[in-house]
Amino acid sequence: MERGRSGALAEINEDSVRPSIELLQTVLSMRGSLPEQHTEKLRRIARRITDELAKKLATRLSAALVGLSTPRPTRRPNRRLDLRRTISANLRTARTNEDGQIQLVPDQLYFRTPSRRTMDWHVIFVVDVSGSMEPSVIYSALTAAIFSALPALSVTFLAFSTEVIDFTSHVEDPLAMLMEVQVGGGTIISLGLAAARTRLKVPSRTIVLLVTDFEEGLSVASLINEVQALVDTGAKVLGLAALSDDGKPRYHTGIAAQVAGCGMPVAALSPLELARWVGDQIR
């Protein structure tokens, strides 16, 4: 398969496939070039790999996202009484009745906020899909899907090369997104950032994650202007030179330094490190 021999696909037992980012890259590279009879099997293999990778990644990220996936206490009355918090806060009112039973007379009631998607924070992924970024594109899709499952977050996913495509409707299904994303072509980072700025609703509660190698293919001045405009809105911004487990970025250090000088920190992170960073910004 790695050599482009599509016939090898027919020999694969999809139930025994060992999921890996590298294998998913190989499988995705074959989409659009297979005969019709192999396309469905390719999708089934890709689905199994993607689901397994997402499950493992979610397990690893869960500790870093504690507190974002559960309802939070509130004093605003609703039907979901937080019994543990209410008892803990009102122990001083406990008294013993004549029959020996302990009675609590709470003067402070705590409730749980409903776990609904009236999102408190908005995370915007702005992902460079030029050829050198494929591993980071895959990790971005998987991480965005995990973030989108959290009641505290809403997620927008913008893919860019020389144009911008909004994949937000696919964010909960990373395979559907990856099957449609066309990796390759040039890079105009300023377009992606401009699109992200139009999606801002409450900048102070928005996190913009730019995933790129900073190889700007048009105007560096336009890129710097867009970074500055985005930072000036008050949104939290982070440039990711790589989003992968190996954390070995290849990027334009000069342009990255200019962006950092405008107030957008630049780092190469694993998904776990990114989850911790996002969690720290929100808590």
C-alpha atoms as a PDB file:
ATOM      1  CA  MET A   1       0.000   0.000   0.000  1.00  0.00           C
ATOM      2  CA  GLU A   2       2.819   2.424   0.868  1.00  0.00           C
ATOM      3  CA  ARG A   3       4.118   1.930  -2.691  1.00  0.00           C
ATOM      4  CA  GLY A   4       0.724   2.833  -4.134  1.00  0.00           C
ATOM      5  CA  ARG A   5      -0.286  -0.715  -5.101  1.00  0.00           C
ATOM      6  CA  SER A   6      -4.037  -0.592  -4.523  1.00  0.00           C
ATOM      7  CA  GLY A   7      -4.388  -4.360  -4.991  1.00  0.00           C
ATOM      8  CA  ALA A   8      -2.790  -4.830  -1.561  1.00  0.00           C
ATOM      9  CA  LEU A   9      -5.942  -3.372  -0.058  1.00  0.00           C
ATOM     10  CA  ALA A  10      -7.926  -6.473  -1.010  1.00  0.00           C
ATOM     11  CA  GLU A  11      -5.540  -8.641   1.042  1.00  0.00           C
ATOM     12  CA  ILE A  12      -5.902  -6.673   4.262  1.00  0.00           C
ATOM     13  CA  ASN A  13      -7.972  -8.124   7.101  1.00  0.00           C
ATOM     14  CA  GLU A  14      -9.508  -4.923   8.422  1.00  0.00           C
ATOM     15  CA  ASP A  15     -10.211  -6.502  11.831  1.00  0.00           C
ATOM     16  CA  SER A  16      -6.517  -7.099  12.463  1.00  0.00           C
ATOM     17  CA  VAL A  17      -5.235  -3.689  11.389  1.00  0.00           C
ATOM     18  CA  ARG A  18      -3.045  -1.944  13.965  1.00  0.00           C
ATOM     19  CA  PRO A  19      -4.152   1.697  14.075  1.00  0.00           C
ATOM     20  CA  SER A  20      -1.438   4.328  13.653  1.00  0.00           C
ATOM     21  CA  ILE A  21      -1.153   7.836  12.278  1.00  0.00           C
ATOM     22  CA  GLU A  22       1.281   6.572   9.642  1.00  0.00           C
ATOM     23  CA  LEU A  23      -1.148   3.896   8.430  1.00  0.00           C
ATOM     24  CA  LEU A  24      -3.991   6.412   8.341  1.00  0.00           C
ATOM     25  CA  GLN A  25      -1.822   8.714   6.204  1.00  0.00           C
ATOM     26  CA  THR A  26      -1.172   5.838   3.773  1.00  0.00           C
ATOM     27  CA  VAL A  27      -4.862   4.915   3.597  1.00  0.00           C
ATOM     28  CA  LEU A  28      -5.940   8.532   3.071  1.00  0.00           C
ATOM     29  CA  SER A  29      -3.345   8.972   0.326  1.00  0.00           C
ATOM     30  CA  MET A  30      -5.158   6.296  -1.716  1.00  0.00           C
ATOM     31  CA  ARG A  31      -8.564   7.952  -1.696  1.00  0.00           C
ATOM     32  CA  GLY A  32      -9.696   9.035  -5.120  1.00  0.00           C
ATOM     33  CA  SER A  33      -7.267   6.714  -6.896  1.00  0.00           C
ATOM     34  CA  LEU A  34      -8.935   3.362  -6.218  1.00  0.00           C
ATOM     35  CA  PRO A  35     -11.321   1.331  -8.338  1.00  0.00           C
ATOM     36  CA  GLU A  36     -14.908   1.456  -7.110  1.00  0.00           C
ATOM     37  CA  GLN A  37     -14.815  -2.064  -5.621  1.00  0.00           C
ATOM     38  CA  HIS A  38     -12.027  -1.057  -3.222  1.00  0.00           C
ATOM     39  CA  THR A  39     -13.413   2.311  -2.120  1.00  0.00           C
ATOM     40  CA  GLU A  40     -15.827   0.958   0.480  1.00  0.00           C
ATOM     41  CA  LYS A  41     -13.177  -1.264   2.052  1.00  0.00           C
ATOM     42  CA  LEU A  42     -10.796   1.695   2.188  1.00  0.00           C
ATOM     43  CA  ARG A  43     -13.450   3.683   4.054  1.00  0.00           C
ATOM     44  CA  ARG A  44     -14.087   0.817   6.511  1.00  0.00           C
ATOM     45  CA  ILE A  45     -10.366   0.493   7.256  1.00  0.00           C
ATOM     46  CA  ALA A  46     -10.022   4.259   7.623  1.00  0.00           C
ATOM     47  CA  ARG A  47     -13.072   4.329   9.925  1.00  0.00           C
ATOM     48  CA  ARG A  48     -11.632   1.642  12.188  1.00  0.00           C
ATOM     49  CA  ILE A  49      -8.238   3.339  12.358  1.00  0.00           C
ATOM     50  CA  THR A  50      -9.751   6.781  13.012  1.00  0.00           C
ATOM     51  CA  ASP A  51     -12.166   5.558  15.693  1.00  0.00           C
ATOM     52  CA  GLU A  52      -9.413   3.658  17.519  1.00  0.00           C
ATOM     53  CA  LEU A  53      -6.992   6.582  17.353  1.00  0.00           C
ATOM     54  CA  ALA A  54      -9.673   8.995  18.596  1.00  0.00           C
ATOM     55  CA  LYS A  55     -10.604   6.662  21.458  1.00  0.00           C
ATOM     56  CA  LYS A  56      -6.983   6.298  22.585  1.00  0.00           C
ATOM     57  CA  LEU A  57      -6.350  10.022  22.257  1.00  0.00           C
ATOM     58  CA  ALA A  58      -9.501  10.874  24.232  1.00  0.00           C
ATOM     59  CA  THR A  59      -8.341   8.582  27.041  1.00  0.00           C
ATOM     60  CA  ARG A  60      -4.961  10.296  27.154  1.00  0.00           C
ATOM     61  CA  LEU A  61      -6.511  13.779  27.095  1.00  0.00           C
ATOM     62  CA  SER A  62      -9.244  13.115  29.677  1.00  0.00           C
ATOM     63  CA  ALA A  63      -7.095  13.997  32.723  1.00  0.00           C
ATOM     64  CA  ALA A  64      -6.089  17.328  31.168  1.00  0.00           C
ATOM     65  CA  LEU A  65      -9.728  18.195  30.451  1.00  0.00           C
ATOM     66  CA  VAL A  66     -11.182  17.384  33.880  1.00  0.00           C
ATOM     67  CA  GLY A  67     -13.741  20.012  34.819  1.00  0.00           C
ATOM     68  CA  LEU A  68     -14.625  20.856  31.210  1.00  0.00           C
ATOM     69  CA  SER A  69     -16.683  17.725  30.603  1.00  0.00           C
ATOM     70  CA  THR A  70     -18.846  17.743  33.728  1.00  0.00           C
ATOM     71  CA  PRO A  71     -21.599  20.158  34.825  1.00  0.00           C
ATOM     72  CA  ARG A  72     -20.358  22.917  37.105  1.00  0.00           C
ATOM     73  CA  PRO A  73     -21.964  24.030  40.380  1.00  0.00           C
ATOM     74  CA  THR A  74     -24.168  27.113  40.358  1.00  0.00           C
ATOM     75  CA  ARG A  75     -26.386  28.959  42.844  1.00  0.00           C
ATOM     76  CA  ARG A  76     -28.971  29.557  40.121  1.00  0.00           C
ATOM     77  CA  PRO A  77     -31.961  27.282  40.816  1.00  0.00           C
ATOM     78  CA  ASN A  78     -32.805  24.524  38.361  1.00  0.00           C
ATOM     79  CA  ARG A  79     -34.023  20.928  38.551  1.00  0.00           C
ATOM     80  CA  ARG A  80     -30.518  19.449  39.023  1.00  0.00           C
ATOM     81  CA  LEU A  81     -29.687  19.763  42.744  1.00  0.00           C
ATOM     82  CA  ASP A  82     -25.987  19.210  43.487  1.00  0.00           C
ATOM     83  CA  LEU A  83     -26.608  17.137  46.616  1.00  0.00           C
ATOM     84  CA  ARG A  84     -22.949  16.535  47.521  1.00  0.00           C
ATOM     85  CA  ARG A  85     -22.032  20.233  47.264  1.00  0.00           C
ATOM     86  CA  THR A  86     -25.191  21.315  49.134  1.00  0.00           C
ATOM     87  CA  ILE A  87     -24.586  18.912  52.041  1.00  0.00           C
ATOM     88  CA  SER A  88     -20.909  19.890  52.271  1.00  0.00           C
ATOM     89  CA  ALA A  89     -21.741  23.619  52.386  1.00  0.00           C
ATOM     90  CA  ASN A  90     -24.472  23.233  55.012  1.00  0.00           C
ATOM     91  CA  LEU A  91     -23.008  20.794  57.553  1.00  0.00           C
ATOM     92  CA  ARG A  92     -23.066  23.533  60.176  1.00  0.00           C
ATOM     93  CA  THR A  93     -26.889  23.449  60.122  1.00  0.00           C
ATOM     94  CA  ALA A  94     -27.047  19.741  60.984  1.00  0.00           C
ATOM     95  CA  ARG A  95     -29.062  18.833  64.089  1.00  0.00           C
ATOM     96  CA  THR A  96     -30.203  15.622  65.723  1.00  0.00           C
ATOM     97  CA  ASN A  97     -33.946  14.998  66.033  1.00  0.00           C
ATOM     98  CA  GLU A  98     -35.616  13.378  69.029  1.00  0.00           C
ATOM     99  CA  ASP A  99     -35.618  10.030  67.223  1.00  0.00           C
ATOM    100  CA  GLY A 100     -31.850  10.257  66.722  1.00  0.00           C
ATOM    101  CA  GLN A 101     -31.955  11.043  63.014  1.00  0.00           C
ATOM    102  CA  ILE A 102     -29.731  13.810  61.666  1.00  0.00           C
ATOM    103  CA  GLN A 103     -31.544  16.605  59.894  1.00  0.00           C
ATOM    104  CA  LEU A 104     -29.970  19.228  57.665  1.00  0.00           C
ATOM    105  CA  VAL A 105     -31.555  22.665  57.325  1.00  0.00           C
ATOM    106  CA  PRO A 106     -29.651  24.125  54.364  1.00  0.00           C
ATOM    107  CA  ASP A 107     -29.556  27.856  53.835  1.00  0.00           C
ATOM    108  CA  GLN A 108     -27.439  27.556  50.675  1.00  0.00           C
ATOM    109  CA  LEU A 109     -28.545  25.365  47.795  1.00  0.00           C
ATOM    110  CA  TYR A 110     -26.225  24.404  44.951  1.00  0.00           C
ATOM    111  CA  PHE A 111     -27.302  23.127  41.555  1.00  0.00           C
ATOM    112  CA  ARG A 112     -25.560  21.681  38.517  1.00  0.00           C
ATOM    113  CA  THR A 113     -25.479  23.611  35.277  1.00  0.00           C
ATOM    114  CA  PRO A 114     -27.218  21.590  32.538  1.00  0.00           C
ATOM    115  CA  SER A 115     -24.789  19.749  30.248  1.00  0.00           C
ATOM    116  CA  ARG A 116     -26.090  21.351  27.115  1.00  0.00           C
ATOM    117  CA  ARG A 117     -24.229  22.917  24.261  1.00  0.00           C
ATOM    118  CA  THR A 118     -24.741  26.580  25.173  1.00  0.00           C
ATOM    119  CA  MET A 119     -20.995  26.793  24.920  1.00  0.00           C
ATOM    120  CA  ASP A 120     -19.031  28.946  27.328  1.00  0.00           C
ATOM    121  CA  TRP A 121     -15.876  28.989  25.205  1.00  0.00           C
ATOM    122  CA  HIS A 122     -15.277  28.876  21.490  1.00  0.00           C
ATOM    123  CA  VAL A 123     -12.189  27.168  20.028  1.00  0.00           C
ATOM    124  CA  ILE A 124     -11.320  27.958  16.403  1.00  0.00           C
ATOM    125  CA  PHE A 125      -8.890  25.613  14.665  1.00  0.00           C
ATOM    126  CA  VAL A 126      -7.175  27.287  11.692  1.00  0.00           C
ATOM    127  CA  VAL A 127      -5.315  24.443  10.006  1.00  0.00           C
ATOM    128  CA  ASP A 128      -2.760  24.634   7.206  1.00  0.00           C
ATOM    129  CA  VAL A 129      -3.411  21.723   4.815  1.00  0.00           C
ATOM    130  CA  SER A 130      -0.349  22.229   2.644  1.00  0.00           C
ATOM    131  CA  GLY A 131       1.661  19.080   1.888  1.00  0.00           C
ATOM    132  CA  SER A 132       4.141  19.194   4.776  1.00  0.00           C
ATOM    133  CA  MET A 133       1.406  19.423   7.403  1.00  0.00           C
ATOM    134  CA  GLU A 134      -0.428  16.107   6.933  1.00  0.00           C
ATOM    135  CA  PRO A 135       0.332  14.544  10.361  1.00  0.00           C
ATOM    136  CA  SER A 136      -0.695  17.779  12.080  1.00  0.00           C
ATOM    137  CA  VAL A 137      -3.896  17.893   9.994  1.00  0.00           C
ATOM    138  CA  ILE A 138      -4.821  14.396  11.219  1.00  0.00           C
ATOM    139  CA  TYR A 139      -4.058  15.228  14.859  1.00  0.00           C
ATOM    140  CA  SER A 140      -5.976  18.508  14.516  1.00  0.00           C
ATOM    141  CA  ALA A 141      -9.066  16.692  13.240  1.00  0.00           C
ATOM    142  CA  LEU A 142      -8.909  14.121  16.059  1.00  0.00           C
ATOM    143  CA  THR A 143      -8.310  16.740  18.759  1.00  0.00           C
ATOM    144  CA  ALA A 144     -11.084  19.000  17.436  1.00  0.00           C
ATOM    145  CA  ALA A 145     -13.526  16.072  17.612  1.00  0.00           C
ATOM    146  CA  ILE A 146     -12.584  15.433  21.252  1.00  0.00           C
ATOM    147  CA  PHE A 147     -12.930  19.117  22.147  1.00  0.00           C
ATOM    148  CA  SER A 148     -16.313  19.340  20.408  1.00  0.00           C
ATOM    149  CA  ALA A 149     -17.688  16.598  22.681  1.00  0.00           C
ATOM    150  CA  LEU A 150     -17.113  18.776  25.765  1.00  0.00           C
ATOM    151  CA  PRO A 151     -20.147  20.755  26.968  1.00  0.00           C
ATOM    152  CA  ALA A 152     -17.933  23.741  27.857  1.00  0.00           C
ATOM    153  CA  LEU A 153     -16.643  24.211  24.300  1.00  0.00           C
ATOM    154  CA  SER A 154     -17.881  24.908  20.804  1.00  0.00           C
ATOM    155  CA  VAL A 155     -15.470  24.227  17.963  1.00  0.00           C
ATOM    156  CA  THR A 156     -14.977  25.752  14.519  1.00  0.00           C
ATOM    157  CA  PHE A 157     -12.597  24.063  12.063  1.00  0.00           C
ATOM    158  CA  LEU A 158     -11.155  26.073   9.180  1.00  0.00           C
ATOM    159  CA  ALA A 159      -8.782  24.407   6.697  1.00  0.00           C
ATOM    160  CA  PHE A 160      -6.712  26.654   4.438  1.00  0.00           C
ATOM    161  CA  SER A 161      -4.137  26.509   1.686  1.00  0.00           C
ATOM    162  CA  THR A 162      -4.717  29.175  -0.984  1.00  0.00           C
ATOM    163  CA  GLU A 163      -8.412  29.272   0.017  1.00  0.00           C
ATOM    164  CA  VAL A 164     -10.361  28.606   3.203  1.00  0.00           C
ATOM    165  CA  ILE A 165     -12.884  25.804   3.673  1.00  0.00           C
ATOM    166  CA  ASP A 166     -15.091  25.577   6.758  1.00  0.00           C
ATOM    167  CA  PHE A 167     -15.325  21.958   7.968  1.00  0.00           C
ATOM    168  CA  THR A 168     -17.178  22.761  11.182  1.00  0.00           C
ATOM    169  CA  SER A 169     -20.160  20.621  10.146  1.00  0.00           C
ATOM    170  CA  HIS A 170     -17.797  17.597  10.059  1.00  0.00           C
ATOM    171  CA  VAL A 171     -15.938  18.327  13.271  1.00  0.00           C
ATOM    172  CA  GLU A 172     -17.625  15.514  15.243  1.00  0.00           C
ATOM    173  CA  ASP A 173     -16.673  12.996  12.543  1.00  0.00           C
ATOM    174  CA  PRO A 174     -12.923  13.357  11.888  1.00  0.00           C
ATOM    175  CA  LEU A 175     -12.911  10.675   9.182  1.00  0.00           C
ATOM    176  CA  ALA A 176     -15.563  12.506   7.137  1.00  0.00           C
ATOM    177  CA  MET A 177     -13.407  15.617   7.398  1.00  0.00           C
ATOM    178  CA  LEU A 178     -10.168  13.852   6.503  1.00  0.00           C
ATOM    179  CA  MET A 179     -11.746  12.138   3.510  1.00  0.00           C
ATOM    180  CA  GLU A 180     -12.673  15.555   2.105  1.00  0.00           C
ATOM    181  CA  VAL A 181      -9.604  17.590   3.024  1.00  0.00           C
ATOM    182  CA  GLN A 182      -7.245  17.899   0.067  1.00  0.00           C
ATOM    183  CA  VAL A 183      -3.746  18.086   1.510  1.00  0.00           C
ATOM    184  CA  GLY A 184      -1.264  19.909  -0.689  1.00  0.00           C
ATOM    185  CA  GLY A 185      -0.873  23.173  -2.578  1.00  0.00           C
ATOM    186  CA  GLY A 186       0.287  26.595  -1.475  1.00  0.00           C
ATOM    187  CA  THR A 187      -0.119  28.478   1.767  1.00  0.00           C
ATOM    188  CA  ILE A 188      -1.755  31.830   2.486  1.00  0.00           C
ATOM    189  CA  ILE A 189      -1.940  31.965   6.278  1.00  0.00           C
ATOM    190  CA  SER A 190      -3.442  35.445   6.370  1.00  0.00           C
ATOM    191  CA  LEU A 191      -6.573  34.113   4.622  1.00  0.00           C
ATOM    192  CA  GLY A 192      -7.120  31.555   7.371  1.00  0.00           C
ATOM    193  CA  LEU A 193      -6.674  34.132  10.118  1.00  0.00           C
ATOM    194  CA  ALA A 194      -8.971  36.616   8.405  1.00  0.00           C
ATOM    195  CA  ALA A 195     -11.652  33.914   8.213  1.00  0.00           C
ATOM    196  CA  ALA A 196     -11.147  33.133  11.913  1.00  0.00           C
ATOM    197  CA  ARG A 197     -11.608  36.790  12.808  1.00  0.00           C
ATOM    198  CA  THR A 198     -15.000  36.860  11.070  1.00  0.00           C
ATOM    199  CA  ARG A 199     -16.089  33.937  13.310  1.00  0.00           C
ATOM    200  CA  LEU A 200     -15.406  35.804  16.553  1.00  0.00           C
ATOM    201  CA  LYS A 201     -18.490  36.443  18.677  1.00  0.00           C
ATOM    202  CA  VAL A 202     -17.090  36.938  22.181  1.00  0.00           C
ATOM    203  CA  PRO A 203     -13.334  37.401  21.646  1.00  0.00           C
ATOM    204  CA  SER A 204     -12.524  37.301  25.374  1.00  0.00           C
ATOM    205  CA  ARG A 205     -13.915  33.772  25.502  1.00  0.00           C
ATOM    206  CA  THR A 206     -12.415  32.556  22.239  1.00  0.00           C
ATOM    207  CA  ILE A 207      -9.251  30.532  21.628  1.00  0.00           C
ATOM    208  CA  VAL A 208      -7.733  30.563  18.137  1.00  0.00           C
ATOM    209  CA  LEU A 209      -5.327  27.724  17.337  1.00  0.00           C
ATOM    210  CA  LEU A 210      -3.283  28.304  14.175  1.00  0.00           C
ATOM    211  CA  VAL A 211      -1.636  25.077  12.981  1.00  0.00           C
ATOM    212  CA  THR A 212       0.954  25.869  10.294  1.00  0.00           C
ATOM    213  CA  ASP A 213       4.616  25.678   9.321  1.00  0.00           C
ATOM    214  CA  PHE A 214       4.612  29.482   8.861  1.00  0.00           C
ATOM    215  CA  GLU A 215       5.800  29.178   5.264  1.00  0.00           C
ATOM    216  CA  GLU A 216       3.694  32.121   4.106  1.00  0.00           C
ATOM    217  CA  GLY A 217       3.288  31.960   0.344  1.00  0.00           C
ATOM    218  CA  LEU A 218       1.989  35.478  -0.279  1.00  0.00           C
ATOM    219  CA  SER A 219       2.618  38.524   1.886  1.00  0.00           C
ATOM    220  CA  VAL A 220       4.347  38.309   5.253  1.00  0.00           C
ATOM    221  CA  ALA A 221       3.202  41.874   5.958  1.00  0.00           C
ATOM    222  CA  SER A 222      -0.444  40.812   5.471  1.00  0.00           C
ATOM    223  CA  LEU A 223       0.116  37.866   7.791  1.00  0.00           C
ATOM    224  CA  ILE A 224       1.592  40.078  10.511  1.00  0.00           C
ATOM    225  CA  ASN A 225      -1.316  42.535  10.138  1.00  0.00           C
ATOM    226  CA  GLU A 226      -3.851  39.729  10.529  1.00  0.00           C
ATOM    227  CA  VAL A 227      -2.087  38.326  13.593  1.00  0.00           C
ATOM    228  CA  GLN A 228      -2.030  41.777  15.175  1.00  0.00           C
ATOM    229  CA  ALA A 229      -5.702  42.383  14.356  1.00  0.00           C
ATOM    230  CA  LEU A 230      -6.638  39.039  15.913  1.00  0.00           C
ATOM    231  CA  VAL A 231      -4.575  39.658  19.055  1.00  0.00           C
ATOM    232  CA  ASP A 232      -6.081  43.141  19.393  1.00  0.00           C
ATOM    233  CA  THR A 233      -9.598  41.667  19.617  1.00  0.00           C
ATOM    234  CA  GLY A 234      -8.692  40.130  22.985  1.00  0.00           C
ATOM    235  CA  ALA A 235      -8.961  36.518  21.800  1.00  0.00           C
ATOM    236  CA  LYS A 236      -6.416  34.016  23.123  1.00  0.00           C
ATOM    237  CA  VAL A 237      -4.232  32.908  20.227  1.00  0.00           C
ATOM    238  CA  LEU A 238      -1.603  30.202  19.846  1.00  0.00           C
ATOM    239  CA  GLY A 239       0.523  29.265  16.854  1.00  0.00           C
ATOM    240  CA  LEU A 240       1.278  25.565  16.549  1.00  0.00           C
ATOM    241  CA  ALA A 241       4.299  24.799  14.383  1.00  0.00           C
ATOM    242  CA  ALA A 242       3.325  21.143  14.801  1.00  0.00           C
ATOM    243  CA  LEU A 243       0.565  19.200  16.518  1.00  0.00           C
ATOM    244  CA  SER A 244       1.850  15.651  16.795  1.00  0.00           C
ATOM    245  CA  ASP A 245       3.169  13.143  19.290  1.00  0.00           C
ATOM    246  CA  ASP A 246       6.775  13.421  18.176  1.00  0.00           C
ATOM    247  CA  GLY A 247       6.797  17.232  18.501  1.00  0.00           C
ATOM    248  CA  LYS A 248       9.365  17.656  15.722  1.00  0.00           C
ATOM    249  CA  PRO A 249       8.308  20.728  13.756  1.00  0.00           C
ATOM    250  CA  ARG A 250       9.660  21.965  10.461  1.00  0.00           C
ATOM    251  CA  TYR A 251       8.754  25.620  10.181  1.00  0.00           C
ATOM    252  CA  HIS A 252       9.950  29.066   9.146  1.00  0.00           C
ATOM    253  CA  THR A 253      11.598  30.319  12.334  1.00  0.00           C
ATOM    254  CA  GLY A 254      11.941  33.898  11.097  1.00  0.00           C
ATOM    255  CA  ILE A 255       8.232  34.373  10.384  1.00  0.00           C
ATOM    256  CA  ALA A 256       7.306  32.493  13.569  1.00  0.00           C
ATOM    257  CA  ALA A 257       9.456  34.938  15.558  1.00  0.00           C
ATOM    258  CA  GLN A 258       7.668  37.912  13.968  1.00  0.00           C
ATOM    259  CA  VAL A 259       4.260  36.434  14.800  1.00  0.00           C
ATOM    260  CA  ALA A 260       5.342  35.777  18.369  1.00  0.00           C
ATOM    261  CA  GLY A 261       6.451  39.393  18.592  1.00  0.00           C
ATOM    262  CA  CYS A 262       2.884  40.447  17.793  1.00  0.00           C
ATOM    263  CA  GLY A 263       1.494  38.513  20.763  1.00  0.00           C
ATOM    264  CA  MET A 264       0.863  35.066  19.277  1.00  0.00           C
ATOM    265  CA  PRO A 265       3.035  32.528  21.125  1.00  0.00           C
ATOM    266  CA  VAL A 266       4.402  29.742  18.911  1.00  0.00           C
ATOM    267  CA  ALA A 267       5.000  26.184  20.097  1.00  0.00           C
ATOM    268  CA  ALA A 268       5.186  22.589  18.906  1.00  0.00           C
ATOM    269  CA  LEU A 269       2.867  20.533  21.106  1.00  0.00           C
ATOM    270  CA  SER A 270       1.461  17.058  21.452  1.00  0.00           C
ATOM    271  CA  PRO A 271      -2.356  16.824  21.667  1.00  0.00           C
ATOM    272  CA  LEU A 272      -2.004  16.192  25.424  1.00  0.00           C
ATOM    273  CA  GLU A 273       0.060  19.346  25.909  1.00  0.00           C
ATOM    274  CA  LEU A 274      -2.460  21.307  23.848  1.00  0.00           C
ATOM    275  CA  ALA A 275      -5.353  19.960  25.956  1.00  0.00           C
ATOM    276  CA  ARG A 276      -3.548  21.065  29.113  1.00  0.00           C
ATOM    277  CA  TRP A 277      -2.948  24.525  27.624  1.00  0.00           C
ATOM    278  CA  VAL A 278      -6.590  24.925  26.579  1.00  0.00           C
ATOM    279  CA  GLY A 279      -7.746  23.682  29.992  1.00  0.00           C
ATOM    280  CA  ASP A 280      -5.512  26.230  31.743  1.00  0.00           C
ATOM    281  CA  GLN A 281      -6.921  29.088  29.645  1.00  0.00           C
ATOM    282  CA  ILE A 282     -10.506  28.171  30.448  1.00  0.00           C
ATOM    283  CA  ARG A 283     -10.415  27.258  34.128  1.00  0.00           C
END
